[in-house]
Amino acid sequence: MQTPRGPLPLYRFSPLQAATLFGETVPFAAHWPEHLKLFLYQYVPLPALTAAPEALPGQVQVQARDLHGLRTWDHTTYQGWPLYLYAHDQPGQAARGEVEHLFSVARVEQTALPGAHDRPHGP
């Protein structure tokens, strides 16, 4: 994602695909156990973009977030996946927010998240 300070990687919450396939909803971070919140709050929901980047070959949309949570702004999704910025990434440097089986860098060629377009998901 291009920012005024330079490009930053975007992330997706990897377990969301399995949860969606099994009909489960992943709660927003404000509803997770207290001991996990410090970890989850390092991933900042990408605010709604004013215009979808023309170069993306998929669906860029917006989903509402929990109005009672810490981050209540509308959230950008790509191919149904909610997108996140990692608080400790720096423009022009390697992605530091990847955590195996939890958060992975979002890719342009990623497939759409099945069935996710009906309901919002956290964290």
N, C-alpha and C. Protein backbone atom coordinates (compact mmCIF):
# COMPACT_ATOMS: atom_id res chain seq x y z
N MET A 1 0.85 -1.17 0.00
CA MET A 1 0.00 0.00 0.00
C MET A 1 0.89 1.23 0.00
N GLN A 2 0.63 2.13 -0.88
CA GLN A 2 1.41 3.37 -0.96
C GLN A 2 0.89 4.36 0.07
N THR A 3 1.78 4.88 0.90
CA THR A 3 1.44 5.89 1.89
C THR A 3 2.28 7.13 1.61
N PRO A 4 1.99 8.26 2.25
CA PRO A 4 2.83 9.45 2.03
C PRO A 4 4.29 9.23 2.39
N ARG A 5 4.59 8.30 3.29
CA ARG A 5 5.96 8.02 3.69
C ARG A 5 6.60 6.90 2.87
N GLY A 6 5.81 6.21 2.03
CA GLY A 6 6.34 5.12 1.22
C GLY A 6 5.44 3.90 1.29
N PRO A 7 5.83 2.81 0.61
CA PRO A 7 4.97 1.62 0.57
C PRO A 7 5.04 0.81 1.87
N LEU A 8 3.88 0.30 2.26
CA LEU A 8 3.76 -0.59 3.42
C LEU A 8 3.03 -1.86 3.00
N PRO A 9 3.41 -3.01 3.56
CA PRO A 9 2.68 -4.24 3.23
C PRO A 9 1.32 -4.27 3.92
N LEU A 10 0.41 -5.00 3.31
CA LEU A 10 -0.91 -5.23 3.89
C LEU A 10 -0.99 -6.69 4.30
N TYR A 11 -1.75 -6.95 5.34
CA TYR A 11 -1.86 -8.30 5.89
C TYR A 11 -3.32 -8.76 5.91
N ARG A 12 -3.47 -10.09 5.98
CA ARG A 12 -4.78 -10.70 6.17
C ARG A 12 -4.66 -11.68 7.32
N PHE A 13 -5.76 -11.91 8.01
CA PHE A 13 -5.81 -12.84 9.13
C PHE A 13 -6.09 -14.23 8.55
N SER A 14 -5.06 -15.04 8.48
CA SER A 14 -5.12 -16.33 7.77
C SER A 14 -6.20 -17.29 8.27
N PRO A 15 -6.46 -17.43 9.58
CA PRO A 15 -7.49 -18.37 10.04
C PRO A 15 -8.91 -18.02 9.58
N LEU A 16 -9.08 -16.84 9.03
CA LEU A 16 -10.42 -16.43 8.59
C LEU A 16 -10.98 -17.36 7.53
N GLN A 17 -10.14 -17.91 6.65
CA GLN A 17 -10.63 -18.80 5.60
C GLN A 17 -11.26 -20.06 6.20
N ALA A 18 -10.60 -20.71 7.14
CA ALA A 18 -11.16 -21.91 7.77
C ALA A 18 -12.42 -21.58 8.55
N ALA A 19 -12.40 -20.46 9.27
CA ALA A 19 -13.59 -20.07 10.03
C ALA A 19 -14.78 -19.86 9.10
N THR A 20 -14.55 -19.20 7.98
CA THR A 20 -15.62 -18.95 7.01
C THR A 20 -16.16 -20.25 6.43
N LEU A 21 -15.26 -21.16 6.09
CA LEU A 21 -15.69 -22.45 5.52
C LEU A 21 -16.55 -23.24 6.49
N PHE A 22 -16.31 -23.08 7.80
CA PHE A 22 -17.08 -23.81 8.81
C PHE A 22 -18.24 -23.00 9.36
N GLY A 23 -18.51 -21.83 8.76
CA GLY A 23 -19.65 -21.02 9.16
C GLY A 23 -19.46 -20.27 10.46
N GLU A 24 -18.22 -20.12 10.89
CA GLU A 24 -17.93 -19.41 12.13
C GLU A 24 -17.62 -17.95 11.84
N THR A 25 -17.78 -17.11 12.83
CA THR A 25 -17.43 -15.70 12.72
C THR A 25 -16.26 -15.44 13.65
N VAL A 26 -15.24 -14.79 13.15
CA VAL A 26 -14.09 -14.41 13.98
C VAL A 26 -14.44 -13.10 14.66
N PRO A 27 -14.35 -13.04 15.99
CA PRO A 27 -14.72 -11.80 16.68
C PRO A 27 -13.70 -10.69 16.44
N PHE A 28 -14.16 -9.46 16.57
CA PHE A 28 -13.26 -8.32 16.52
C PHE A 28 -12.35 -8.36 17.75
N ALA A 29 -11.19 -7.72 17.66
CA ALA A 29 -10.17 -7.80 18.71
C ALA A 29 -10.71 -7.39 20.08
N ALA A 30 -11.63 -6.45 20.13
CA ALA A 30 -12.16 -5.99 21.42
C ALA A 30 -12.87 -7.11 22.17
N HIS A 31 -13.24 -8.18 21.49
CA HIS A 31 -13.97 -9.29 22.11
C HIS A 31 -13.08 -10.50 22.37
N TRP A 32 -11.79 -10.39 22.11
CA TRP A 32 -10.85 -11.48 22.38
C TRP A 32 -10.42 -11.43 23.83
N PRO A 33 -9.85 -12.50 24.37
CA PRO A 33 -9.34 -12.48 25.75
C PRO A 33 -8.29 -11.38 25.93
N GLU A 34 -8.25 -10.83 27.11
CA GLU A 34 -7.35 -9.71 27.40
C GLU A 34 -5.89 -10.02 27.06
N HIS A 35 -5.44 -11.23 27.31
CA HIS A 35 -4.03 -11.57 27.08
C HIS A 35 -3.66 -11.60 25.60
N LEU A 36 -4.63 -11.63 24.70
CA LEU A 36 -4.35 -11.62 23.26
C LEU A 36 -4.50 -10.24 22.64
N LYS A 37 -5.14 -9.33 23.32
CA LYS A 37 -5.42 -8.02 22.74
C LYS A 37 -4.16 -7.23 22.39
N LEU A 38 -3.13 -7.29 23.23
CA LEU A 38 -1.90 -6.54 22.92
C LEU A 38 -1.29 -7.02 21.61
N PHE A 39 -1.37 -8.31 21.35
CA PHE A 39 -0.88 -8.85 20.08
C PHE A 39 -1.76 -8.38 18.93
N LEU A 40 -3.06 -8.55 19.05
CA LEU A 40 -3.98 -8.21 17.96
C LEU A 40 -3.98 -6.73 17.63
N TYR A 41 -3.83 -5.88 18.62
CA TYR A 41 -3.89 -4.45 18.38
C TYR A 41 -2.66 -3.91 17.63
N GLN A 42 -1.67 -4.77 17.37
CA GLN A 42 -0.55 -4.37 16.53
C GLN A 42 -0.96 -4.32 15.06
N TYR A 43 -2.09 -4.95 14.73
CA TYR A 43 -2.60 -4.99 13.36
C TYR A 43 -3.75 -4.00 13.26
N VAL A 44 -3.55 -2.98 12.46
CA VAL A 44 -4.49 -1.88 12.36
C VAL A 44 -5.37 -2.08 11.13
N PRO A 45 -6.70 -2.15 11.31
CA PRO A 45 -7.59 -2.30 10.16
C PRO A 45 -7.37 -1.15 9.16
N LEU A 46 -7.18 -1.52 7.90
CA LEU A 46 -6.98 -0.51 6.86
C LEU A 46 -8.27 0.27 6.69
N PRO A 47 -8.24 1.59 6.95
CA PRO A 47 -9.46 2.39 6.78
C PRO A 47 -9.96 2.34 5.33
N ALA A 48 -11.22 2.64 5.16
CA ALA A 48 -11.82 2.64 3.83
C ALA A 48 -11.05 3.57 2.92
N LEU A 49 -10.70 3.08 1.75
CA LEU A 49 -9.99 3.89 0.76
C LEU A 49 -10.96 4.83 0.08
N THR A 50 -10.52 6.04 -0.24
CA THR A 50 -11.39 6.98 -0.94
C THR A 50 -11.65 6.53 -2.37
N ALA A 51 -10.67 5.83 -2.95
CA ALA A 51 -10.84 5.27 -4.30
C ALA A 51 -10.05 3.97 -4.36
N ALA A 52 -10.65 2.95 -4.95
CA ALA A 52 -9.97 1.67 -5.09
C ALA A 52 -8.83 1.80 -6.09
N PRO A 53 -7.68 1.24 -5.77
CA PRO A 53 -6.58 1.27 -6.74
C PRO A 53 -6.97 0.56 -8.03
N GLU A 54 -6.78 1.23 -9.15
CA GLU A 54 -7.19 0.67 -10.44
C GLU A 54 -6.39 -0.57 -10.82
N ALA A 55 -5.18 -0.70 -10.30
CA ALA A 55 -4.30 -1.80 -10.69
C ALA A 55 -4.70 -3.14 -10.06
N LEU A 56 -5.58 -3.13 -9.06
CA LEU A 56 -5.94 -4.39 -8.40
C LEU A 56 -6.95 -5.16 -9.25
N PRO A 57 -6.64 -6.43 -9.54
CA PRO A 57 -7.53 -7.23 -10.39
C PRO A 57 -8.60 -7.97 -9.60
N GLY A 58 -9.15 -7.39 -8.59
CA GLY A 58 -10.16 -8.05 -7.79
C GLY A 58 -11.09 -7.05 -7.16
N GLN A 59 -11.85 -7.53 -6.19
CA GLN A 59 -12.83 -6.68 -5.55
C GLN A 59 -12.26 -5.97 -4.32
N VAL A 60 -12.26 -4.66 -4.37
CA VAL A 60 -11.92 -3.84 -3.21
C VAL A 60 -13.24 -3.29 -2.70
N GLN A 61 -13.55 -3.63 -1.45
CA GLN A 61 -14.81 -3.20 -0.86
C GLN A 61 -14.57 -2.67 0.54
N VAL A 62 -15.65 -2.33 1.21
CA VAL A 62 -15.59 -1.80 2.57
C VAL A 62 -16.55 -2.59 3.43
N GLN A 63 -16.12 -2.90 4.64
CA GLN A 63 -17.02 -3.55 5.60
C GLN A 63 -17.08 -2.70 6.86
N ALA A 64 -18.22 -2.75 7.51
CA ALA A 64 -18.38 -2.03 8.77
C ALA A 64 -17.66 -2.79 9.88
N ARG A 65 -17.26 -2.07 10.90
CA ARG A 65 -16.62 -2.71 12.05
C ARG A 65 -17.51 -2.56 13.27
N ASP A 66 -17.12 -3.21 14.34
CA ASP A 66 -17.85 -3.18 15.59
C ASP A 66 -17.89 -1.76 16.15
N LEU A 67 -19.07 -1.21 16.29
CA LEU A 67 -19.21 0.17 16.79
C LEU A 67 -18.85 0.30 18.26
N HIS A 68 -18.70 -0.82 18.96
CA HIS A 68 -18.36 -0.78 20.39
C HIS A 68 -16.90 -1.16 20.63
N GLY A 69 -16.13 -1.32 19.58
CA GLY A 69 -14.73 -1.70 19.71
C GLY A 69 -13.81 -0.50 19.75
N LEU A 70 -12.53 -0.78 19.73
CA LEU A 70 -11.52 0.28 19.76
C LEU A 70 -11.40 0.96 18.41
N ARG A 71 -11.57 0.19 17.33
CA ARG A 71 -11.39 0.70 15.96
C ARG A 71 -12.71 0.60 15.21
N THR A 72 -13.41 1.69 15.19
CA THR A 72 -14.79 1.67 14.68
C THR A 72 -14.93 2.11 13.24
N TRP A 73 -13.83 2.50 12.58
CA TRP A 73 -13.93 3.01 11.22
C TRP A 73 -14.24 1.87 10.24
N ASP A 74 -14.79 2.26 9.07
CA ASP A 74 -15.03 1.28 8.01
C ASP A 74 -13.69 0.71 7.55
N HIS A 75 -13.71 -0.55 7.14
CA HIS A 75 -12.51 -1.35 6.93
C HIS A 75 -12.43 -1.81 5.47
N THR A 76 -11.30 -1.61 4.83
CA THR A 76 -11.11 -2.03 3.44
C THR A 76 -10.91 -3.53 3.37
N THR A 77 -11.56 -4.16 2.40
CA THR A 77 -11.34 -5.58 2.13
C THR A 77 -10.89 -5.75 0.68
N TYR A 78 -10.16 -6.82 0.44
CA TYR A 78 -9.75 -7.17 -0.92
C TYR A 78 -10.06 -8.64 -1.12
N GLN A 79 -10.87 -8.93 -2.14
CA GLN A 79 -11.30 -10.30 -2.42
C GLN A 79 -12.01 -10.89 -1.20
N GLY A 80 -12.68 -10.04 -0.41
CA GLY A 80 -13.40 -10.48 0.78
C GLY A 80 -12.55 -10.52 2.04
N TRP A 81 -11.24 -10.42 1.91
CA TRP A 81 -10.32 -10.46 3.05
C TRP A 81 -10.18 -9.08 3.67
N PRO A 82 -10.48 -8.89 4.96
CA PRO A 82 -10.18 -7.62 5.62
C PRO A 82 -8.66 -7.41 5.62
N LEU A 83 -8.24 -6.19 5.36
CA LEU A 83 -6.81 -5.87 5.26
C LEU A 83 -6.34 -5.09 6.48
N TYR A 84 -5.09 -5.36 6.85
CA TYR A 84 -4.50 -4.76 8.03
C TYR A 84 -3.11 -4.21 7.73
N LEU A 85 -2.74 -3.16 8.44
CA LEU A 85 -1.37 -2.65 8.48
C LEU A 85 -0.76 -3.14 9.79
N TYR A 86 0.53 -3.41 9.78
CA TYR A 86 1.22 -3.81 11.00
C TYR A 86 1.88 -2.57 11.60
N ALA A 87 1.64 -2.32 12.86
CA ALA A 87 2.08 -1.07 13.50
C ALA A 87 3.59 -0.87 13.47
N HIS A 88 4.37 -1.95 13.36
CA HIS A 88 5.82 -1.82 13.46
C HIS A 88 6.54 -1.89 12.10
N ASP A 89 5.79 -1.97 11.01
CA ASP A 89 6.42 -1.94 9.69
C ASP A 89 6.89 -0.53 9.37
N GLN A 90 7.96 -0.44 8.58
CA GLN A 90 8.49 0.84 8.15
C GLN A 90 8.51 0.87 6.62
N PRO A 91 8.16 2.00 6.01
CA PRO A 91 8.20 2.09 4.55
C PRO A 91 9.56 1.70 3.99
N GLY A 92 9.53 0.93 2.91
CA GLY A 92 10.75 0.54 2.23
C GLY A 92 11.51 -0.61 2.88
N GLN A 93 11.02 -1.13 4.00
CA GLN A 93 11.68 -2.25 4.67
C GLN A 93 10.84 -3.52 4.52
N ALA A 94 11.45 -4.64 4.81
CA ALA A 94 10.76 -5.93 4.70
C ALA A 94 9.57 -5.98 5.67
N ALA A 95 8.57 -6.75 5.28
CA ALA A 95 7.38 -6.95 6.12
C ALA A 95 7.80 -7.65 7.42
N ARG A 96 7.38 -7.09 8.55
CA ARG A 96 7.74 -7.66 9.85
C ARG A 96 6.55 -8.28 10.56
N GLY A 97 5.35 -8.14 10.00
CA GLY A 97 4.15 -8.58 10.70
C GLY A 97 3.65 -9.96 10.37
N GLU A 98 4.40 -10.71 9.56
CA GLU A 98 3.94 -12.07 9.25
C GLU A 98 4.14 -12.97 10.46
N VAL A 99 3.09 -13.70 10.83
CA VAL A 99 3.13 -14.69 11.90
C VAL A 99 2.52 -15.95 11.32
N GLU A 100 3.32 -17.00 11.22
CA GLU A 100 2.88 -18.23 10.56
C GLU A 100 1.54 -18.70 11.10
N HIS A 101 0.63 -18.97 10.20
CA HIS A 101 -0.72 -19.47 10.48
C HIS A 101 -1.63 -18.43 11.14
N LEU A 102 -1.19 -17.19 11.27
CA LEU A 102 -2.04 -16.15 11.84
C LEU A 102 -2.20 -14.95 10.91
N PHE A 103 -1.12 -14.24 10.65
CA PHE A 103 -1.17 -13.09 9.75
C PHE A 103 -0.18 -13.31 8.62
N SER A 104 -0.67 -13.15 7.39
CA SER A 104 0.20 -13.29 6.22
C SER A 104 0.03 -12.06 5.34
N VAL A 105 1.06 -11.78 4.55
CA VAL A 105 1.01 -10.64 3.64
C VAL A 105 -0.07 -10.91 2.60
N ALA A 106 -0.93 -9.94 2.37
CA ALA A 106 -1.98 -10.06 1.33
C ALA A 106 -1.31 -9.95 -0.03
N ARG A 107 -1.74 -10.78 -0.94
CA ARG A 107 -1.16 -10.82 -2.29
C ARG A 107 -2.22 -10.42 -3.31
N VAL A 108 -1.78 -9.80 -4.37
CA VAL A 108 -2.70 -9.39 -5.44
C VAL A 108 -3.40 -10.60 -6.04
N GLU A 109 -2.67 -11.73 -6.15
CA GLU A 109 -3.24 -12.91 -6.79
C GLU A 109 -4.03 -13.81 -5.84
N GLN A 110 -4.27 -13.38 -4.60
CA GLN A 110 -4.99 -14.24 -3.67
C GLN A 110 -6.42 -14.47 -4.15
N THR A 111 -6.92 -15.65 -3.85
CA THR A 111 -8.28 -15.99 -4.24
C THR A 111 -9.26 -15.33 -3.28
N ALA A 112 -10.48 -15.22 -3.73
CA ALA A 112 -11.51 -14.59 -2.91
C ALA A 112 -11.81 -15.46 -1.69
N LEU A 113 -12.14 -14.81 -0.61
CA LEU A 113 -12.54 -15.50 0.61
C LEU A 113 -13.95 -16.02 0.41
N PRO A 114 -14.18 -17.32 0.47
CA PRO A 114 -15.51 -17.86 0.19
C PRO A 114 -16.52 -17.48 1.27
N GLY A 115 -17.66 -16.96 0.84
CA GLY A 115 -18.77 -16.67 1.73
C GLY A 115 -18.55 -15.53 2.71
N ALA A 116 -17.50 -14.79 2.58
CA ALA A 116 -17.20 -13.75 3.56
C ALA A 116 -17.92 -12.44 3.27
N HIS A 117 -18.56 -12.34 2.15
CA HIS A 117 -19.12 -11.05 1.72
C HIS A 117 -20.42 -10.71 2.44
N ASP A 118 -20.98 -11.66 3.20
CA ASP A 118 -22.26 -11.43 3.87
C ASP A 118 -22.11 -10.78 5.23
N ARG A 119 -21.00 -11.05 5.91
CA ARG A 119 -20.89 -10.61 7.28
C ARG A 119 -19.48 -10.11 7.59
N PRO A 120 -19.36 -9.14 8.47
CA PRO A 120 -18.02 -8.63 8.82
C PRO A 120 -17.29 -9.61 9.73
N HIS A 121 -15.99 -9.55 9.69
CA HIS A 121 -15.13 -10.39 10.53
C HIS A 121 -14.08 -9.53 11.20
N GLY A 122 -13.58 -9.98 12.35
CA GLY A 122 -12.49 -9.31 13.05
C GLY A 122 -11.19 -9.85 12.54
N PRO A 123 -10.10 -9.63 13.20
CA PRO A 123 -9.88 -9.01 14.46
C PRO A 123 -9.79 -7.56 14.27
